[in-house]
Amino acid sequence: MKITLVQFRRRPLAEENIWTAISLAKNEKSDLIIFSENWLSSKAINLDDYIYYIEKIGNILDSNILGGIQYVNESDSIKSVGISYINRKPVRICEKINPSKAVGEREILAGGKYIAPIKVYDWKIGCIACVDIFYPEISRLHAINMADIIYNPASISGESVKLWHSVLQTRAAENVVYSIGVNNTNTMYPDQRITAGESVVFNPHGDKILELGSEDTAITVSLDYDYFDFVNRRWAFREDLINKYSNIYKSFFKENN
């Protein structure tokens, strides 16, 4: 499967960001286009508006979309939610389970619930919202639910990028999945730190197969299912997780959702 990673600096207006996203991705030929965290707006928007924008991009680019995650107003609260546009239908793929303490999200965001991997062609993709990648239980549950890819739309500051990469690499190897992190470029945090870009892809062996720089860009990478199958047959990590530990993770999330 060919996947296009899109990273760029967020502008003040949602429409500016929509057209930036389209202009960067329009010449890429892929099966799926994926985005970062809050690339559309730094403020909470209505969920219906978010869905409308993701559908708009998908229709203009004639592509499946994983629309990152976005602060949305829903049921009298603010959540961080991920919406996809797959086979011309919007699908919720992600909620931020653990809002970030470091940037003050816990003062404004309601915690979300776990959402199982979705199917795109013959692949199953599990979305993990930004800081949730640091909670291994979520990735483990995706692996138990047979994810082939872990997708982490994020907003990571420059001093934390190396740590973020190391966590994504670990999640890839320990769960025998492709792991993909997509980050904003040159976008300011509430505490004045700046995001660094450097979106990245690791294969199920934990090898880095793509790393972007700090510029606004869209880059396409090919994922090989035969290689995923090869590593999965060679390493017992995922097999043991499913056969020995799945009840622990499933019961934990059932109790906490």
Protein backbone atom coordinates (compact mmCIF):
# COMPACT_ATOMS: atom_id res chain seq x y z
CA MET A 1 0.00 0.00 0.00
CA LYS A 2 1.21 3.50 -0.83
CA ILE A 3 0.68 6.10 1.91
CA THR A 4 1.30 9.85 1.60
CA LEU A 5 2.43 11.67 4.75
CA VAL A 6 1.53 15.38 4.77
CA GLN A 7 3.23 17.78 7.18
CA PHE A 8 3.10 21.58 7.18
CA ARG A 9 2.90 24.70 9.31
CA ARG A 10 -0.62 25.47 10.47
CA ARG A 11 -1.97 28.84 9.30
CA PRO A 12 -4.57 30.91 11.23
CA LEU A 13 -7.57 30.01 9.05
CA ALA A 14 -8.96 26.54 8.40
CA GLU A 15 -9.51 27.28 4.70
CA GLU A 16 -5.84 28.24 4.34
CA ASN A 17 -4.84 24.90 5.83
CA ILE A 18 -7.25 22.98 3.62
CA TRP A 19 -5.72 24.44 0.46
CA THR A 20 -2.18 24.04 1.76
CA ALA A 21 -2.92 20.34 2.38
CA ILE A 22 -4.42 19.93 -1.09
CA SER A 23 -1.59 21.77 -2.86
CA LEU A 24 1.05 19.61 -1.13
CA ALA A 25 -0.67 16.28 -1.76
CA LYS A 26 -2.21 16.81 -5.20
CA ASN A 27 0.72 15.41 -7.18
CA GLU A 28 1.21 12.33 -5.01
CA LYS A 29 -0.22 9.03 -6.25
CA SER A 30 -1.15 6.85 -3.30
CA ASP A 31 -3.86 4.74 -1.69
CA LEU A 32 -4.12 6.83 1.46
CA ILE A 33 -3.26 10.40 2.52
CA ILE A 34 -2.59 11.04 6.21
CA PHE A 35 -2.28 14.15 8.39
CA SER A 36 -1.06 15.32 11.81
CA GLU A 37 -2.68 16.79 14.94
CA ASN A 38 -4.71 20.01 14.83
CA TRP A 39 -3.36 20.84 11.37
CA LEU A 40 -6.77 22.25 10.51
CA SER A 41 -7.23 24.61 13.47
CA SER A 42 -5.76 25.33 16.89
CA LYS A 43 -9.29 25.89 18.20
CA ALA A 44 -12.14 23.47 18.76
CA ILE A 45 -14.51 23.29 15.78
CA ASN A 46 -17.87 21.61 15.35
CA LEU A 47 -17.58 17.91 14.60
CA ASP A 48 -19.80 18.27 11.52
CA ASP A 49 -17.46 20.97 10.15
CA TYR A 50 -14.45 18.71 10.69
CA ILE A 51 -16.16 15.88 8.81
CA TYR A 52 -17.08 18.31 6.01
CA TYR A 53 -13.45 19.42 5.58
CA ILE A 54 -12.11 15.85 5.50
CA GLU A 55 -14.73 14.86 2.93
CA LYS A 56 -13.83 17.94 0.89
CA ILE A 57 -10.16 16.98 0.75
CA GLY A 58 -10.99 13.38 -0.09
CA ASN A 59 -13.30 14.38 -2.92
CA ILE A 60 -10.92 16.94 -4.42
CA LEU A 61 -7.93 14.60 -4.26
CA ASP A 62 -10.04 11.52 -5.07
CA SER A 63 -8.34 9.61 -2.28
CA ASN A 64 -8.87 7.90 1.04
CA ILE A 65 -7.94 10.18 3.94
CA LEU A 66 -6.84 9.74 7.54
CA GLY A 67 -7.55 13.24 8.76
CA GLY A 68 -5.24 13.41 11.76
CA ILE A 69 -6.89 14.48 15.01
CA GLN A 70 -8.68 17.72 15.80
CA TYR A 71 -10.21 19.44 18.81
CA VAL A 72 -13.98 19.26 18.32
CA ASN A 73 -17.09 20.37 20.16
CA GLU A 74 -19.22 17.34 20.91
CA SER A 75 -21.93 16.64 23.50
CA ASP A 76 -21.22 19.78 25.54
CA SER A 77 -17.52 18.98 25.84
CA ILE A 78 -14.31 19.34 23.85
CA LYS A 79 -12.55 16.19 22.65
CA SER A 80 -9.63 15.40 20.39
CA VAL A 81 -11.06 13.20 17.63
CA GLY A 82 -9.78 11.58 14.44
CA ILE A 83 -11.95 11.30 11.34
CA SER A 84 -11.15 9.34 8.20
CA TYR A 85 -12.74 9.32 4.76
CA ILE A 86 -12.61 5.75 3.45
CA ASN A 87 -14.42 4.59 0.32
CA ARG A 88 -16.23 7.95 0.29
CA LYS A 89 -17.61 7.52 3.80
CA PRO A 90 -16.54 9.34 6.99
CA VAL A 91 -15.43 7.05 9.81
CA ARG A 92 -14.32 7.93 13.33
CA ILE A 93 -10.92 6.34 13.85
CA CYS A 94 -9.48 7.85 17.01
CA GLU A 95 -10.09 9.71 20.26
CA LYS A 96 -7.38 11.06 22.53
CA ILE A 97 -7.71 8.90 25.62
CA ASN A 98 -5.18 10.78 27.77
CA PRO A 99 -5.10 14.55 27.14
CA SER A 100 -1.62 16.03 27.54
CA LYS A 101 -0.72 17.34 30.98
CA ALA A 102 2.35 19.15 29.63
CA VAL A 103 0.41 21.55 27.38
CA GLY A 104 -2.62 21.97 29.66
CA GLU A 105 -5.07 19.86 27.65
CA ARG A 106 -6.44 18.27 30.80
CA GLU A 107 -7.96 21.60 31.74
CA ILE A 108 -10.02 21.82 28.53
CA LEU A 109 -10.35 18.34 26.96
CA ALA A 110 -12.52 15.42 27.97
CA GLY A 111 -10.75 12.08 27.74
CA GLY A 112 -11.83 9.86 24.87
CA LYS A 113 -12.46 6.16 24.37
CA TYR A 114 -10.55 3.42 22.61
CA ILE A 115 -11.51 2.80 18.97
CA ALA A 116 -10.51 -0.47 17.29
CA PRO A 117 -8.49 -0.52 14.03
CA ILE A 118 -10.30 0.22 10.77
CA LYS A 119 -9.83 -1.65 7.50
CA VAL A 120 -8.37 0.09 4.46
CA TYR A 121 -8.08 -2.31 1.53
CA ASP A 122 -6.50 -5.45 3.04
CA TRP A 123 -4.79 -3.57 5.87
CA LYS A 124 -6.00 -2.82 9.39
CA ILE A 125 -4.91 0.56 10.77
CA GLY A 126 -5.09 1.62 14.40
CA CYS A 127 -4.96 5.34 15.19
CA ILE A 128 -3.27 6.55 18.39
CA ALA A 129 -3.66 10.23 19.21
CA CYS A 130 -0.40 12.12 19.85
CA VAL A 131 0.68 11.61 23.48
CA ASP A 132 -1.28 8.35 23.71
CA ILE A 133 1.62 6.69 21.86
CA PHE A 134 3.54 6.91 25.15
CA TYR A 135 0.96 4.57 26.73
CA PRO A 136 1.99 1.11 25.44
CA GLU A 137 -1.32 -0.47 26.46
CA ILE A 138 -3.12 1.28 23.59
CA SER A 139 -0.71 0.01 20.96
CA ARG A 140 -0.87 -3.46 22.49
CA LEU A 141 -4.64 -3.51 22.23
CA HIS A 142 -4.39 -2.47 18.57
CA ALA A 143 -2.03 -5.39 17.97
CA ILE A 144 -4.41 -7.78 19.74
CA ASN A 145 -7.13 -6.45 17.43
CA MET A 146 -4.90 -7.39 14.48
CA ALA A 147 -3.63 -3.97 13.40
CA ASP A 148 -0.98 -4.06 10.68
CA ILE A 149 -0.23 -0.32 10.99
CA ILE A 150 -0.17 2.05 13.97
CA TYR A 151 -0.81 5.65 12.92
CA ASN A 152 0.15 8.46 15.30
CA PRO A 153 -1.00 11.97 14.28
CA ALA A 154 0.96 14.26 16.55
CA SER A 155 2.20 17.71 17.46
CA ILE A 156 5.73 17.24 18.78
CA SER A 157 8.16 20.00 19.75
CA GLY A 158 11.75 20.04 18.56
CA GLU A 159 13.34 18.90 21.81
CA SER A 160 11.06 15.83 21.98
CA VAL A 161 11.35 14.53 18.41
CA LYS A 162 14.16 12.04 19.13
CA LEU A 163 12.18 10.62 22.06
CA TRP A 164 9.05 10.42 19.90
CA HIS A 165 10.96 8.55 17.19
CA SER A 166 12.36 6.07 19.71
CA VAL A 167 8.89 5.34 21.08
CA LEU A 168 7.47 4.82 17.58
CA GLN A 169 10.37 2.49 16.78
CA THR A 170 9.70 0.48 19.92
CA ARG A 171 5.97 0.28 19.22
CA ALA A 172 6.75 -1.07 15.74
CA ALA A 173 9.05 -3.85 16.93
CA GLU A 174 7.25 -4.94 20.10
CA ASN A 175 3.90 -5.23 18.30
CA VAL A 176 5.28 -6.29 14.88
CA VAL A 177 3.51 -3.47 13.01
CA TYR A 178 4.39 -0.60 10.73
CA SER A 179 4.34 2.57 12.84
CA ILE A 180 3.82 6.00 11.29
CA GLY A 181 4.12 9.35 13.05
CA VAL A 182 2.96 12.55 11.33
CA ASN A 183 3.93 15.89 12.87
CA ASN A 184 3.26 19.58 12.20
CA THR A 185 6.12 21.83 11.10
CA ASN A 186 7.02 25.17 12.66
CA THR A 187 3.77 25.49 14.61
CA MET A 188 3.67 27.11 18.05
CA TYR A 189 2.55 25.32 21.21
CA PRO A 190 0.55 27.21 23.88
CA ASP A 191 3.82 27.43 25.88
CA GLN A 192 5.73 28.92 22.89
CA ARG A 193 7.61 25.76 21.91
CA ILE A 194 7.78 25.00 18.18
CA THR A 195 6.90 21.75 16.43
CA ALA A 196 9.64 20.23 14.34
CA GLY A 197 8.12 18.13 11.57
CA GLU A 198 10.36 15.07 11.00
CA SER A 199 7.43 12.72 10.40
CA VAL A 200 8.66 9.13 10.33
CA VAL A 201 7.86 5.54 9.34
CA PHE A 202 9.23 2.35 10.93
CA ASN A 203 8.74 -1.16 9.59
CA PRO A 204 7.72 -4.17 11.75
CA HIS A 205 11.38 -4.99 12.35
CA GLY A 206 11.89 -1.55 13.89
CA ASP A 207 13.90 -0.23 10.94
CA LYS A 208 13.37 3.39 9.89
CA ILE A 209 12.22 3.43 6.26
CA LEU A 210 11.34 7.13 5.95
CA GLU A 211 12.09 10.33 7.84
CA LEU A 212 10.97 13.74 6.63
CA GLY A 213 12.82 16.96 7.37
CA SER A 214 11.45 20.17 8.88
CA GLU A 215 9.97 21.57 5.66
CA ASP A 216 6.33 21.63 4.52
CA THR A 217 5.96 18.61 2.26
CA ALA A 218 4.04 15.51 1.22
CA ILE A 219 6.01 12.28 0.72
CA THR A 220 4.72 8.86 -0.32
CA VAL A 221 6.02 5.58 1.12
CA SER A 222 5.22 2.01 0.05
CA LEU A 223 4.42 -0.55 2.75
CA ASP A 224 5.03 -4.21 1.94
CA TYR A 225 2.53 -6.68 3.43
CA ASP A 226 4.78 -9.63 2.59
CA TYR A 227 7.49 -8.10 4.78
CA PHE A 228 5.00 -7.61 7.61
CA ASP A 229 4.01 -11.28 7.26
CA PHE A 230 7.66 -12.37 7.20
CA VAL A 231 8.55 -10.59 10.46
CA ASN A 232 5.31 -11.73 12.09
CA ARG A 233 6.19 -15.37 11.31
CA ARG A 234 9.79 -14.92 12.43
CA TRP A 235 9.22 -13.12 15.74
CA ALA A 236 6.93 -14.46 18.48
CA PHE A 237 6.19 -11.09 20.12
CA ARG A 238 2.75 -10.58 18.60
CA GLU A 239 1.81 -14.26 18.81
CA ASP A 240 2.66 -14.36 22.52
CA LEU A 241 0.84 -11.10 23.15
CA ILE A 242 -2.36 -12.49 21.63
CA ASN A 243 -2.11 -15.95 23.17
CA LYS A 244 -0.84 -15.06 26.64
CA TYR A 245 -1.76 -11.49 27.50
CA SER A 246 -4.79 -10.41 25.47
CA ASN A 247 -7.27 -10.85 28.33
CA ILE A 248 -5.28 -8.43 30.51
CA TYR A 249 -5.44 -5.63 27.92
CA LYS A 250 -9.03 -6.27 26.88
CA SER A 251 -10.27 -6.26 30.48
CA PHE A 252 -8.31 -3.09 31.27
CA PHE A 253 -9.91 -1.16 28.43
CA LYS A 254 -13.35 -2.57 29.11
CA GLU A 255 -13.12 -1.34 32.71
CA ASN A 256 -11.82 2.08 31.68
CA ASN A 257 -14.20 2.79 28.81
